[in-house]
């Protein structure tokens, strides 16, 4: 087991996948359904 190596780099694609997965997991917990997910940057005015 000590010889195993894992690729732990968080690329943009992996980060997007993790965000979508977390949304779906949360929706499942509260009994909701996710129809679509749109990810967009936060505007600087809303920070």
Protein backbone atom coordinates (compact mmCIF):
# COMPACT_ATOMS: atom_id res chain seq x y z
CA UNK A 1 0.00 0.00 0.00
CA UNK A 2 2.85 2.43 0.72
CA UNK A 3 3.98 2.13 -2.92
CA UNK A 4 0.65 3.32 -4.34
CA UNK A 5 0.59 6.84 -5.77
CA UNK A 6 -2.55 8.89 -6.30
CA UNK A 7 -3.11 11.85 -8.57
CA UNK A 8 -4.51 14.44 -6.16
CA UNK A 9 -4.21 17.51 -8.39
CA UNK A 10 -7.43 19.52 -8.43
CA UNK A 11 -7.88 20.60 -12.02
CA UNK A 12 -10.66 22.90 -13.24
CA UNK A 13 -12.57 19.86 -14.52
CA UNK A 14 -12.28 18.01 -11.21
CA UNK A 15 -13.32 21.08 -9.23
CA UNK A 16 -16.41 21.53 -11.43
CA UNK A 17 -17.28 17.83 -11.03
CA UNK A 18 -16.92 18.05 -7.23
CA UNK A 19 -19.15 21.15 -7.05
CA UNK A 20 -21.89 19.49 -9.10
CA UNK A 21 -21.63 16.31 -7.05
CA UNK A 22 -21.96 18.25 -3.78
CA UNK A 23 -25.07 20.02 -5.09
CA UNK A 24 -26.63 16.69 -6.07
CA UNK A 25 -25.77 15.09 -2.73
CA UNK A 26 -27.30 18.00 -0.81
CA UNK A 27 -30.42 17.93 -2.98
CA UNK A 28 -30.77 14.22 -2.29
CA UNK A 29 -30.49 14.83 1.47
CA UNK A 30 -33.31 17.38 1.48
CA UNK A 31 -35.49 15.46 -0.98
CA UNK A 32 -35.08 17.87 -3.87
CA UNK A 33 -34.36 17.20 -7.53
CA UNK A 34 -31.62 18.91 -9.52
CA UNK A 35 -32.69 19.61 -13.08
CA UNK A 36 -29.69 21.65 -14.15
CA UNK A 37 -26.63 23.33 -12.71
CA UNK A 38 -25.15 26.54 -14.05
CA UNK A 39 -21.80 27.68 -12.65
CA UNK A 40 -20.79 31.28 -13.21
CA UNK A 41 -18.29 33.62 -11.59
CA UNK A 42 -19.41 35.91 -8.81
CA UNK A 43 -19.58 39.53 -9.89
CA UNK A 44 -17.20 41.84 -8.08
CA UNK A 45 -20.11 44.09 -7.05
CA UNK A 46 -21.70 41.29 -4.97
CA UNK A 47 -18.59 40.49 -2.94
